[in-house]
Amino acid sequence: MDLQGSPGRRRRGAVLEAALLDAAWQELCDVGYGALTFDAVAQRAGTSRPVIYRRWATKAELVRAAVEHALRRGDAAVPDTGSLRGDLIAVMRYANGRTVSSAAMLTYYLGPYFQETGTNPTTLRDAIMGDRRTAVDVIIDRAAERGEIDPARLTPRVRTVAFDLYRHEALMTLAPVPDRVIEEIIDDVFLPLVTPPA
């Protein structure tokens, strides 16, 4: 990619930064954190190392920014099917299109990053997410307002258990999670935990 774009028009600001982060993400997915270099990212982006260094002083900073950029680019509208079960199935099906490659990349390609920075996938995710509510938070809170679930049962662990099981399945198989498994996670584990007694 040439950052010059059209003749006489150089990319600047947010457009340039997005192009640099796209190049860093692609390089990370191709060679992993250990082999990633500023030179390779610059070449892929069609620019020079100083352009990158002005924004990110270290490889760790560049990679964290690239991961954040890639994850946020995949954000989608929170589904609203009218039911907790329908919403959770919809959001997990959407995640199937991107979680598998992300899980594999985080565990394999970013291993040296976590060693170098003393972090792990959870701390990286928390740093990226900040105080933002996840789609699952929105779905669960909406279901509680509708009276579908008992708010008293929503401990921090219970709130995340459905997606924790989903991520575990995706990580263990490195493949999209089958609908049958998604439905088992929701129907056999999550809903019985949060549904008020009859």
N, C-alpha and C. Protein backbone atom coordinates (compact mmCIF):
# COMPACT_ATOMS: atom_id res chain seq x y z
N MET A 1 0.86 -1.19 0.00
CA MET A 1 0.00 0.00 0.00
C MET A 1 0.89 1.23 0.00
N ASP A 2 0.54 2.19 -0.81
CA ASP A 2 1.29 3.44 -0.86
C ASP A 2 0.50 4.50 -0.14
N LEU A 3 1.14 5.08 0.90
CA LEU A 3 0.43 6.08 1.69
C LEU A 3 0.21 7.37 0.94
N GLN A 4 0.81 7.47 -0.21
CA GLN A 4 0.57 8.67 -1.01
C GLN A 4 -0.88 8.70 -1.49
N GLY A 5 -1.47 7.53 -1.72
CA GLY A 5 -2.84 7.49 -2.24
C GLY A 5 -2.89 8.05 -3.64
N SER A 6 -3.83 8.92 -3.90
CA SER A 6 -3.94 9.53 -5.22
C SER A 6 -2.77 10.48 -5.44
N PRO A 7 -2.37 10.68 -6.71
CA PRO A 7 -1.27 11.59 -6.99
C PRO A 7 -1.50 12.95 -6.35
N GLY A 8 -0.49 13.42 -5.62
CA GLY A 8 -0.55 14.74 -5.02
C GLY A 8 -1.31 14.80 -3.71
N ARG A 9 -1.81 13.64 -3.23
CA ARG A 9 -2.59 13.64 -1.98
C ARG A 9 -1.96 12.67 -0.99
N ARG A 10 -1.30 13.20 0.01
CA ARG A 10 -0.68 12.37 1.04
C ARG A 10 -1.67 12.14 2.17
N ARG A 11 -1.71 10.92 2.67
CA ARG A 11 -2.60 10.62 3.79
C ARG A 11 -2.06 11.26 5.06
N ARG A 12 -2.98 11.77 5.86
CA ARG A 12 -2.60 12.42 7.11
C ARG A 12 -3.61 12.07 8.19
N GLY A 13 -3.27 12.42 9.43
CA GLY A 13 -4.19 12.31 10.54
C GLY A 13 -4.72 10.91 10.76
N ALA A 14 -6.04 10.82 10.96
CA ALA A 14 -6.68 9.55 11.28
C ALA A 14 -6.56 8.54 10.14
N VAL A 15 -6.58 9.02 8.91
CA VAL A 15 -6.48 8.11 7.76
C VAL A 15 -5.09 7.46 7.73
N LEU A 16 -4.06 8.27 7.95
CA LEU A 16 -2.70 7.73 7.99
C LEU A 16 -2.54 6.76 9.14
N GLU A 17 -3.04 7.14 10.32
CA GLU A 17 -2.89 6.27 11.49
C GLU A 17 -3.59 4.93 11.27
N ALA A 18 -4.78 4.95 10.67
CA ALA A 18 -5.49 3.70 10.40
C ALA A 18 -4.70 2.83 9.43
N ALA A 19 -4.08 3.44 8.43
CA ALA A 19 -3.28 2.67 7.47
C ALA A 19 -2.07 2.03 8.16
N LEU A 20 -1.44 2.76 9.07
CA LEU A 20 -0.29 2.22 9.80
C LEU A 20 -0.71 1.07 10.70
N LEU A 21 -1.83 1.22 11.38
CA LEU A 21 -2.30 0.17 12.28
C LEU A 21 -2.77 -1.06 11.51
N ASP A 22 -3.38 -0.85 10.36
CA ASP A 22 -3.75 -1.98 9.51
C ASP A 22 -2.50 -2.75 9.08
N ALA A 23 -1.47 -2.02 8.72
CA ALA A 23 -0.22 -2.67 8.30
C ALA A 23 0.41 -3.43 9.46
N ALA A 24 0.39 -2.84 10.65
CA ALA A 24 0.96 -3.50 11.82
C ALA A 24 0.17 -4.76 12.16
N TRP A 25 -1.14 -4.69 12.08
CA TRP A 25 -1.98 -5.86 12.37
C TRP A 25 -1.71 -6.98 11.37
N GLN A 26 -1.63 -6.63 10.09
CA GLN A 26 -1.37 -7.64 9.06
C GLN A 26 0.00 -8.28 9.27
N GLU A 27 0.98 -7.47 9.61
CA GLU A 27 2.33 -7.99 9.86
C GLU A 27 2.32 -8.90 11.09
N LEU A 28 1.61 -8.50 12.12
CA LEU A 28 1.51 -9.31 13.34
C LEU A 28 0.90 -10.67 13.02
N CYS A 29 -0.17 -10.69 12.24
CA CYS A 29 -0.83 -11.94 11.90
C CYS A 29 0.03 -12.81 11.00
N ASP A 30 0.90 -12.20 10.21
CA ASP A 30 1.75 -12.97 9.30
C ASP A 30 2.98 -13.55 9.99
N VAL A 31 3.62 -12.78 10.89
CA VAL A 31 4.91 -13.22 11.43
C VAL A 31 4.94 -13.33 12.94
N GLY A 32 3.93 -12.80 13.65
CA GLY A 32 3.93 -12.84 15.11
C GLY A 32 4.71 -11.67 15.70
N TYR A 33 4.54 -11.51 17.02
CA TYR A 33 5.15 -10.37 17.70
C TYR A 33 6.68 -10.42 17.67
N GLY A 34 7.25 -11.61 17.90
CA GLY A 34 8.71 -11.72 17.99
C GLY A 34 9.42 -11.28 16.73
N ALA A 35 8.85 -11.60 15.56
CA ALA A 35 9.51 -11.28 14.29
C ALA A 35 9.07 -9.95 13.71
N LEU A 36 8.09 -9.30 14.31
CA LEU A 36 7.61 -8.03 13.77
C LEU A 36 8.65 -6.94 13.97
N THR A 37 8.88 -6.14 12.93
CA THR A 37 9.82 -5.03 13.02
C THR A 37 9.17 -3.76 12.48
N PHE A 38 9.68 -2.61 12.92
CA PHE A 38 9.19 -1.34 12.41
C PHE A 38 9.48 -1.22 10.92
N ASP A 39 10.61 -1.75 10.50
CA ASP A 39 10.96 -1.70 9.07
C ASP A 39 9.92 -2.43 8.23
N ALA A 40 9.52 -3.63 8.69
CA ALA A 40 8.55 -4.42 7.92
C ALA A 40 7.19 -3.73 7.89
N VAL A 41 6.78 -3.15 9.02
CA VAL A 41 5.50 -2.44 9.06
C VAL A 41 5.56 -1.23 8.13
N ALA A 42 6.67 -0.49 8.18
CA ALA A 42 6.82 0.68 7.32
C ALA A 42 6.77 0.29 5.85
N GLN A 43 7.44 -0.80 5.50
CA GLN A 43 7.44 -1.24 4.11
C GLN A 43 6.03 -1.65 3.67
N ARG A 44 5.34 -2.37 4.54
CA ARG A 44 3.98 -2.81 4.20
C ARG A 44 3.05 -1.61 4.03
N ALA A 45 3.27 -0.57 4.84
CA ALA A 45 2.41 0.62 4.79
C ALA A 45 2.85 1.61 3.72
N GLY A 46 4.01 1.40 3.14
CA GLY A 46 4.50 2.32 2.13
C GLY A 46 4.96 3.64 2.70
N THR A 47 5.63 3.57 3.90
CA THR A 47 6.10 4.79 4.54
C THR A 47 7.47 4.52 5.16
N SER A 48 7.91 5.38 6.06
CA SER A 48 9.22 5.23 6.67
C SER A 48 9.10 4.98 8.18
N ARG A 49 10.17 4.45 8.77
CA ARG A 49 10.14 4.18 10.21
C ARG A 49 9.86 5.43 11.05
N PRO A 50 10.46 6.59 10.74
CA PRO A 50 10.19 7.77 11.57
C PRO A 50 8.71 8.14 11.66
N VAL A 51 7.96 7.87 10.58
CA VAL A 51 6.52 8.16 10.60
C VAL A 51 5.84 7.32 11.68
N ILE A 52 6.27 6.08 11.84
CA ILE A 52 5.69 5.20 12.86
C ILE A 52 6.20 5.60 14.24
N TYR A 53 7.51 5.85 14.37
CA TYR A 53 8.11 6.18 15.67
C TYR A 53 7.51 7.46 16.27
N ARG A 54 7.06 8.37 15.42
CA ARG A 54 6.47 9.60 15.94
C ARG A 54 5.18 9.32 16.70
N ARG A 55 4.55 8.18 16.40
CA ARG A 55 3.28 7.84 17.05
C ARG A 55 3.44 6.79 18.14
N TRP A 56 4.32 5.83 17.93
CA TRP A 56 4.51 4.73 18.89
C TRP A 56 6.02 4.51 19.06
N ALA A 57 6.51 4.76 20.26
CA ALA A 57 7.96 4.72 20.50
C ALA A 57 8.52 3.30 20.57
N THR A 58 7.67 2.33 20.92
CA THR A 58 8.15 0.95 21.06
C THR A 58 7.27 0.01 20.27
N LYS A 59 7.80 -1.18 20.03
CA LYS A 59 7.03 -2.20 19.33
C LYS A 59 5.79 -2.59 20.14
N ALA A 60 5.95 -2.68 21.47
CA ALA A 60 4.82 -3.06 22.32
C ALA A 60 3.68 -2.04 22.19
N GLU A 61 4.01 -0.75 22.16
CA GLU A 61 2.98 0.28 22.02
C GLU A 61 2.28 0.17 20.66
N LEU A 62 3.05 -0.06 19.62
CA LEU A 62 2.48 -0.19 18.28
C LEU A 62 1.55 -1.40 18.21
N VAL A 63 1.98 -2.53 18.76
CA VAL A 63 1.17 -3.74 18.68
C VAL A 63 -0.10 -3.60 19.50
N ARG A 64 0.01 -3.02 20.68
CA ARG A 64 -1.21 -2.82 21.48
C ARG A 64 -2.20 -1.94 20.72
N ALA A 65 -1.71 -0.87 20.10
CA ALA A 65 -2.59 0.00 19.33
C ALA A 65 -3.20 -0.73 18.14
N ALA A 66 -2.42 -1.60 17.50
CA ALA A 66 -2.93 -2.35 16.35
C ALA A 66 -3.99 -3.35 16.76
N VAL A 67 -3.79 -4.02 17.91
CA VAL A 67 -4.79 -4.96 18.41
C VAL A 67 -6.08 -4.22 18.75
N GLU A 68 -5.95 -3.08 19.43
CA GLU A 68 -7.13 -2.29 19.78
C GLU A 68 -7.87 -1.84 18.52
N HIS A 69 -7.12 -1.39 17.53
CA HIS A 69 -7.71 -0.93 16.27
C HIS A 69 -8.46 -2.08 15.59
N ALA A 70 -7.86 -3.25 15.56
CA ALA A 70 -8.49 -4.40 14.89
C ALA A 70 -9.75 -4.85 15.62
N LEU A 71 -9.70 -4.88 16.95
CA LEU A 71 -10.85 -5.34 17.72
C LEU A 71 -12.01 -4.35 17.62
N ARG A 72 -11.70 -3.06 17.69
CA ARG A 72 -12.77 -2.07 17.63
C ARG A 72 -13.37 -1.96 16.23
N ARG A 73 -12.55 -2.25 15.23
CA ARG A 73 -13.07 -2.22 13.87
C ARG A 73 -14.13 -3.29 13.67
N GLY A 74 -14.04 -4.38 14.46
CA GLY A 74 -15.00 -5.47 14.33
C GLY A 74 -16.27 -5.28 15.15
N ASP A 75 -16.37 -4.17 15.89
CA ASP A 75 -17.56 -3.95 16.70
C ASP A 75 -18.80 -3.85 15.81
N ALA A 76 -19.89 -4.39 16.30
CA ALA A 76 -21.15 -4.31 15.55
C ALA A 76 -22.25 -3.88 16.49
N ALA A 77 -23.40 -3.54 15.91
CA ALA A 77 -24.54 -3.14 16.72
C ALA A 77 -24.97 -4.33 17.60
N VAL A 78 -25.42 -4.01 18.80
CA VAL A 78 -25.89 -5.06 19.72
C VAL A 78 -27.22 -5.58 19.19
N PRO A 79 -27.35 -6.90 19.01
CA PRO A 79 -28.62 -7.44 18.50
C PRO A 79 -29.76 -7.21 19.48
N ASP A 80 -30.96 -7.08 18.95
CA ASP A 80 -32.15 -6.92 19.80
C ASP A 80 -33.27 -7.76 19.19
N THR A 81 -33.29 -9.04 19.56
CA THR A 81 -34.29 -9.97 19.01
C THR A 81 -35.56 -10.00 19.84
N GLY A 82 -35.52 -9.36 21.02
CA GLY A 82 -36.68 -9.37 21.90
C GLY A 82 -36.58 -10.37 23.03
N SER A 83 -35.52 -11.21 23.01
CA SER A 83 -35.35 -12.18 24.09
C SER A 83 -33.86 -12.32 24.42
N LEU A 84 -33.58 -12.65 25.68
CA LEU A 84 -32.20 -12.87 26.10
C LEU A 84 -31.57 -13.99 25.30
N ARG A 85 -32.26 -15.09 25.16
CA ARG A 85 -31.73 -16.24 24.43
C ARG A 85 -31.40 -15.86 22.98
N GLY A 86 -32.34 -15.21 22.32
CA GLY A 86 -32.12 -14.82 20.93
C GLY A 86 -30.97 -13.86 20.77
N ASP A 87 -30.85 -12.90 21.70
CA ASP A 87 -29.76 -11.92 21.63
C ASP A 87 -28.40 -12.60 21.81
N LEU A 88 -28.31 -13.52 22.80
CA LEU A 88 -27.04 -14.20 23.05
C LEU A 88 -26.63 -15.08 21.88
N ILE A 89 -27.58 -15.79 21.30
CA ILE A 89 -27.27 -16.61 20.13
C ILE A 89 -26.78 -15.73 18.98
N ALA A 90 -27.46 -14.61 18.76
CA ALA A 90 -27.07 -13.71 17.66
C ALA A 90 -25.66 -13.16 17.85
N VAL A 91 -25.32 -12.73 19.08
CA VAL A 91 -24.01 -12.14 19.30
C VAL A 91 -22.91 -13.19 19.22
N MET A 92 -23.20 -14.42 19.63
CA MET A 92 -22.19 -15.48 19.52
C MET A 92 -21.99 -15.90 18.07
N ARG A 93 -23.07 -15.92 17.30
CA ARG A 93 -22.92 -16.23 15.88
C ARG A 93 -22.08 -15.16 15.18
N TYR A 94 -22.31 -13.90 15.54
CA TYR A 94 -21.49 -12.84 14.96
C TYR A 94 -20.03 -13.01 15.36
N ALA A 95 -19.80 -13.32 16.63
CA ALA A 95 -18.42 -13.50 17.11
C ALA A 95 -17.73 -14.65 16.41
N ASN A 96 -18.48 -15.64 15.96
CA ASN A 96 -17.89 -16.77 15.24
C ASN A 96 -17.08 -16.32 14.03
N GLY A 97 -17.48 -15.20 13.45
CA GLY A 97 -16.79 -14.73 12.26
C GLY A 97 -15.44 -14.09 12.53
N ARG A 98 -15.14 -13.77 13.82
CA ARG A 98 -13.89 -13.09 14.10
C ARG A 98 -13.15 -13.59 15.32
N THR A 99 -13.83 -14.27 16.24
CA THR A 99 -13.19 -14.68 17.49
C THR A 99 -12.14 -15.74 17.29
N VAL A 100 -12.38 -16.68 16.37
CA VAL A 100 -11.46 -17.80 16.24
C VAL A 100 -10.06 -17.32 15.87
N SER A 101 -9.96 -16.47 14.86
CA SER A 101 -8.64 -15.98 14.47
C SER A 101 -8.03 -15.11 15.56
N SER A 102 -8.87 -14.32 16.26
CA SER A 102 -8.35 -13.48 17.33
C SER A 102 -7.84 -14.31 18.49
N ALA A 103 -8.56 -15.38 18.86
CA ALA A 103 -8.13 -16.23 19.97
C ALA A 103 -6.80 -16.89 19.65
N ALA A 104 -6.67 -17.41 18.42
CA ALA A 104 -5.42 -18.06 18.04
C ALA A 104 -4.27 -17.05 18.03
N MET A 105 -4.54 -15.85 17.50
CA MET A 105 -3.50 -14.84 17.44
C MET A 105 -3.05 -14.42 18.83
N LEU A 106 -4.02 -14.21 19.74
CA LEU A 106 -3.68 -13.76 21.09
C LEU A 106 -2.84 -14.79 21.84
N THR A 107 -3.14 -16.07 21.64
CA THR A 107 -2.41 -17.09 22.40
C THR A 107 -1.08 -17.44 21.76
N TYR A 108 -0.98 -17.35 20.45
CA TYR A 108 0.25 -17.77 19.77
C TYR A 108 1.14 -16.59 19.39
N TYR A 109 0.62 -15.69 18.57
CA TYR A 109 1.43 -14.60 18.05
C TYR A 109 1.84 -13.60 19.12
N LEU A 110 1.00 -13.42 20.15
CA LEU A 110 1.31 -12.39 21.15
C LEU A 110 2.01 -12.95 22.38
N GLY A 111 2.39 -14.22 22.37
CA GLY A 111 3.09 -14.79 23.52
C GLY A 111 4.30 -13.95 23.94
N PRO A 112 5.21 -13.62 23.03
CA PRO A 112 6.36 -12.79 23.41
C PRO A 112 5.98 -11.39 23.90
N TYR A 113 4.86 -10.84 23.38
CA TYR A 113 4.39 -9.54 23.86
C TYR A 113 4.02 -9.63 25.33
N PHE A 114 3.28 -10.67 25.70
CA PHE A 114 2.86 -10.81 27.09
C PHE A 114 4.07 -11.02 28.00
N GLN A 115 5.07 -11.77 27.55
CA GLN A 115 6.28 -11.96 28.35
C GLN A 115 7.03 -10.65 28.52
N GLU A 116 7.15 -9.89 27.45
CA GLU A 116 7.91 -8.64 27.49
C GLU A 116 7.24 -7.59 28.36
N THR A 117 5.91 -7.54 28.31
CA THR A 117 5.20 -6.48 29.03
C THR A 117 4.67 -6.94 30.39
N GLY A 118 4.80 -8.23 30.69
CA GLY A 118 4.30 -8.73 31.96
C GLY A 118 2.78 -8.71 32.06
N THR A 119 2.11 -8.82 30.91
CA THR A 119 0.65 -8.79 30.88
C THR A 119 0.14 -10.14 30.39
N ASN A 120 -1.18 -10.22 30.20
CA ASN A 120 -1.81 -11.43 29.67
C ASN A 120 -3.03 -11.00 28.85
N PRO A 121 -3.70 -11.94 28.17
CA PRO A 121 -4.85 -11.54 27.34
C PRO A 121 -5.92 -10.77 28.11
N THR A 122 -6.14 -11.12 29.37
CA THR A 122 -7.17 -10.43 30.15
C THR A 122 -6.79 -8.98 30.41
N THR A 123 -5.55 -8.74 30.82
CA THR A 123 -5.15 -7.35 31.09
C THR A 123 -5.13 -6.53 29.81
N LEU A 124 -4.75 -7.14 28.69
CA LEU A 124 -4.78 -6.42 27.42
C LEU A 124 -6.21 -6.07 27.05
N ARG A 125 -7.11 -7.03 27.19
CA ARG A 125 -8.51 -6.77 26.86
C ARG A 125 -9.08 -5.68 27.77
N ASP A 126 -8.79 -5.74 29.07
CA ASP A 126 -9.32 -4.74 30.00
C ASP A 126 -8.79 -3.35 29.67
N ALA A 127 -7.50 -3.29 29.29
CA ALA A 127 -6.90 -1.99 28.94
C ALA A 127 -7.56 -1.41 27.69
N ILE A 128 -7.88 -2.27 26.74
CA ILE A 128 -8.50 -1.81 25.50
C ILE A 128 -9.95 -1.41 25.73
N MET A 129 -10.67 -2.22 26.50
CA MET A 129 -12.10 -1.96 26.71
C MET A 129 -12.34 -0.77 27.62
N GLY A 130 -11.46 -0.60 28.63
CA GLY A 130 -11.67 0.50 29.57
C GLY A 130 -13.00 0.34 30.28
N ASP A 131 -13.77 1.42 30.34
CA ASP A 131 -15.08 1.39 31.01
C ASP A 131 -16.23 1.11 30.04
N ARG A 132 -15.91 0.78 28.80
CA ARG A 132 -16.97 0.53 27.82
C ARG A 132 -17.77 -0.72 28.20
N ARG A 133 -19.07 -0.64 28.03
CA ARG A 133 -19.91 -1.82 28.26
C ARG A 133 -19.82 -2.73 27.05
N THR A 134 -19.74 -4.03 27.32
CA THR A 134 -19.71 -4.99 26.22
C THR A 134 -21.13 -5.23 25.71
N ALA A 135 -21.21 -5.87 24.55
CA ALA A 135 -22.52 -6.23 24.01
C ALA A 135 -23.27 -7.13 24.97
N VAL A 136 -22.53 -8.04 25.63
CA VAL A 136 -23.18 -8.96 26.57
C VAL A 136 -23.73 -8.19 27.77
N ASP A 137 -23.00 -7.19 28.25
CA ASP A 137 -23.53 -6.35 29.34
C ASP A 137 -24.85 -5.70 28.95
N VAL A 138 -24.89 -5.15 27.75
CA VAL A 138 -26.12 -4.49 27.27
C VAL A 138 -27.26 -5.50 27.20
N ILE A 139 -26.97 -6.67 26.64
CA ILE A 139 -27.99 -7.71 26.48
C ILE A 139 -28.53 -8.16 27.83
N ILE A 140 -27.63 -8.42 28.77
CA ILE A 140 -28.05 -8.90 30.09
C ILE A 140 -28.85 -7.84 30.84
N ASP A 141 -28.37 -6.59 30.82
CA ASP A 141 -29.09 -5.52 31.52
C ASP A 141 -30.47 -5.30 30.92
N ARG A 142 -30.56 -5.40 29.61
CA ARG A 142 -31.85 -5.23 28.94
C ARG A 142 -32.81 -6.36 29.34
N ALA A 143 -32.29 -7.58 29.43
CA ALA A 143 -33.12 -8.72 29.82
C ALA A 143 -33.59 -8.58 31.27
N ALA A 144 -32.72 -8.04 32.12
CA ALA A 144 -33.11 -7.83 33.52
C ALA A 144 -34.24 -6.80 33.61
N GLU A 145 -34.17 -5.74 32.80
CA GLU A 145 -35.21 -4.73 32.78
C GLU A 145 -36.54 -5.31 32.30
N ARG A 146 -36.47 -6.29 31.39
CA ARG A 146 -37.70 -6.93 30.89
C ARG A 146 -38.25 -7.96 31.88
N GLY A 147 -37.49 -8.27 32.91
CA GLY A 147 -37.94 -9.26 33.89
C GLY A 147 -37.64 -10.69 33.50
N GLU A 148 -36.79 -10.88 32.47
CA GLU A 148 -36.45 -12.23 32.03
C GLU A 148 -35.50 -12.94 33.00
N ILE A 149 -34.70 -12.18 33.69
CA ILE A 149 -33.71 -12.79 34.58
C ILE A 149 -33.76 -12.11 35.94
N ASP A 150 -33.24 -12.81 36.93
CA ASP A 150 -33.22 -12.31 38.30
C ASP A 150 -31.93 -11.54 38.54
N PRO A 151 -31.98 -10.21 38.70
CA PRO A 151 -30.75 -9.43 38.88
C PRO A 151 -29.92 -9.89 40.08
N ALA A 152 -30.56 -10.45 41.09
CA ALA A 152 -29.82 -10.90 42.27
C ALA A 152 -28.87 -12.05 41.95
N ARG A 153 -29.13 -12.74 40.85
CA ARG A 153 -28.28 -13.86 40.46
C ARG A 153 -27.08 -13.43 39.61
N LEU A 154 -27.04 -12.16 39.23
CA LEU A 154 -26.01 -11.69 38.30
C LEU A 154 -24.72 -11.31 39.02
N THR A 155 -24.02 -12.28 39.53
CA THR A 155 -22.69 -12.02 40.08
C THR A 155 -21.75 -11.73 38.91
N PRO A 156 -20.59 -11.12 39.16
CA PRO A 156 -19.65 -10.88 38.06
C PRO A 156 -19.29 -12.15 37.28
N ARG A 157 -19.13 -13.28 37.98
CA ARG A 157 -18.80 -14.53 37.30
C ARG A 157 -19.95 -15.03 36.44
N VAL A 158 -21.17 -14.93 36.96
CA VAL A 158 -22.33 -15.40 36.20
C VAL A 158 -22.52 -14.55 34.95
N ARG A 159 -22.29 -13.24 35.06
CA ARG A 159 -22.47 -12.36 33.90
C ARG A 159 -21.59 -12.78 32.73
N THR A 160 -20.42 -13.29 33.02
CA THR A 160 -19.46 -13.60 31.93
C THR A 160 -19.40 -15.07 31.57
N VAL A 161 -20.11 -15.93 32.30
CA VAL A 161 -19.89 -17.36 32.13
C VAL A 161 -20.23 -17.85 30.72
N ALA A 162 -21.27 -17.32 30.10
CA ALA A 162 -21.64 -17.80 28.76
C ALA A 162 -20.52 -17.52 27.76
N PHE A 163 -19.99 -16.29 27.78
CA PHE A 163 -18.92 -15.99 26.82
C PHE A 163 -17.59 -16.59 27.23
N ASP A 164 -17.39 -16.82 28.53
CA ASP A 164 -16.19 -17.54 28.95
C ASP A 164 -16.19 -18.94 28.36
N LEU A 165 -17.32 -19.62 28.41
CA LEU A 165 -17.43 -20.96 27.84
C LEU A 165 -17.30 -20.92 26.32
N TYR A 166 -17.89 -19.90 25.71
CA TYR A 166 -17.79 -19.75 24.25
C TYR A 166 -16.33 -19.57 23.83
N ARG A 167 -15.61 -18.67 24.52
CA ARG A 167 -14.20 -18.42 24.18
C ARG A 167 -13.36 -19.67 24.39
N HIS A 168 -13.65 -20.41 25.48
CA HIS A 168 -12.90 -21.64 25.73
C HIS A 168 -13.10 -22.63 24.58
N GLU A 169 -14.32 -22.79 24.13
CA GLU A 169 -14.61 -23.71 23.03
C GLU A 169 -13.87 -23.28 21.76
N ALA A 170 -13.91 -21.98 21.45
CA ALA A 170 -13.24 -21.47 20.25
C ALA A 170 -11.74 -21.66 20.35
N LEU A 171 -11.17 -21.43 21.52
CA LEU A 171 -9.73 -21.55 21.71
C LEU A 171 -9.28 -23.01 21.62
N MET A 172 -10.07 -23.91 22.18
CA MET A 172 -9.70 -25.32 22.19
C MET A 172 -9.81 -25.97 20.81
N THR A 173 -10.73 -25.48 19.99
CA THR A 173 -10.94 -26.09 18.67
C THR A 173 -10.34 -25.28 17.53
N LEU A 174 -10.09 -23.99 17.79
CA LEU A 174 -9.62 -23.07 16.74
C LEU A 174 -10.53 -23.15 15.51
N ALA A 175 -11.82 -23.22 15.79
CA ALA A 175 -12.82 -23.29 14.73
C ALA A 175 -14.07 -22.58 15.22
N PRO A 176 -14.94 -22.17 14.29
CA PRO A 176 -16.21 -21.57 14.72
C PRO A 176 -16.96 -22.52 15.64
N VAL A 177 -17.62 -21.96 16.65
CA VAL A 177 -18.37 -22.77 17.61
C VAL A 177 -19.69 -23.17 16.97
N PRO A 178 -19.98 -24.47 16.89
CA PRO A 178 -21.23 -24.91 16.25
C PRO A 178 -22.46 -24.37 16.97
N ASP A 179 -23.54 -24.16 16.22
CA ASP A 179 -24.79 -23.68 16.81
C ASP A 179 -25.25 -24.59 17.95
N ARG A 180 -25.08 -25.90 17.79
CA ARG A 180 -25.49 -26.84 18.83
C ARG A 180 -24.79 -26.53 20.15
N VAL A 181 -23.49 -26.21 20.09
CA VAL A 181 -22.73 -25.92 21.31
C VAL A 181 -23.15 -24.57 21.88
N ILE A 182 -23.37 -23.59 21.02
CA ILE A 182 -23.85 -22.28 21.49
C ILE A 182 -25.16 -22.44 22.24
N GLU A 183 -26.07 -23.22 21.67
CA GLU A 183 -27.37 -23.42 22.32
C GLU A 183 -27.22 -24.17 23.64
N GLU A 184 -26.30 -25.13 23.71
CA GLU A 184 -26.06 -25.84 24.97
C GLU A 184 -25.52 -24.90 26.04
N ILE A 185 -24.60 -24.02 25.66
CA ILE A 185 -24.04 -23.06 26.62
C ILE A 185 -25.15 -22.18 27.19
N ILE A 186 -26.03 -21.72 26.32
CA ILE A 186 -27.09 -20.81 26.76
C ILE A 186 -28.20 -21.55 27.50
N ASP A 187 -28.68 -22.65 26.91
CA ASP A 187 -29.86 -23.34 27.47
C ASP A 187 -29.52 -24.20 28.69
N ASP A 188 -28.36 -24.86 28.67
CA ASP A 188 -28.04 -25.81 29.74
C ASP A 188 -27.25 -25.19 30.89
N VAL A 189 -26.57 -24.07 30.61
CA VAL A 189 -25.71 -23.47 31.64
C VAL A 189 -26.19 -22.08 32.04
N PHE A 190 -26.26 -21.15 31.07
CA PHE A 190 -26.48 -19.76 31.44
C PHE A 190 -27.91 -19.48 31.89
N LEU A 191 -28.88 -19.85 31.10
CA LEU A 191 -30.27 -19.53 31.46
C LEU A 191 -30.69 -20.13 32.79
N PRO A 192 -30.35 -21.38 33.09
CA PRO A 192 -30.72 -21.90 34.43
C PRO A 192 -30.08 -21.12 35.57
N LEU A 193 -28.90 -20.52 35.33
CA LEU A 193 -28.23 -19.75 36.37
C LEU A 193 -28.93 -18.43 36.66
N VAL A 194 -29.55 -17.83 35.65
CA VAL A 194 -30.07 -16.46 35.81
C VAL A 194 -31.60 -16.38 35.82
N THR A 195 -32.27 -17.46 35.47
CA THR A 195 -33.72 -17.41 35.39
C THR A 195 -34.34 -17.52 36.78
N PRO A 196 -35.30 -16.66 37.11
CA PRO A 196 -35.97 -16.77 38.42
C PRO A 196 -36.67 -18.11 38.56
N PRO A 197 -36.72 -18.66 39.78
CA PRO A 197 -37.44 -19.93 39.98
C PRO A 197 -38.90 -19.82 39.55
N ALA A 198 -39.42 -20.89 39.02
CA ALA A 198 -40.82 -20.88 38.58
C ALA A 198 -41.73 -20.73 39.79
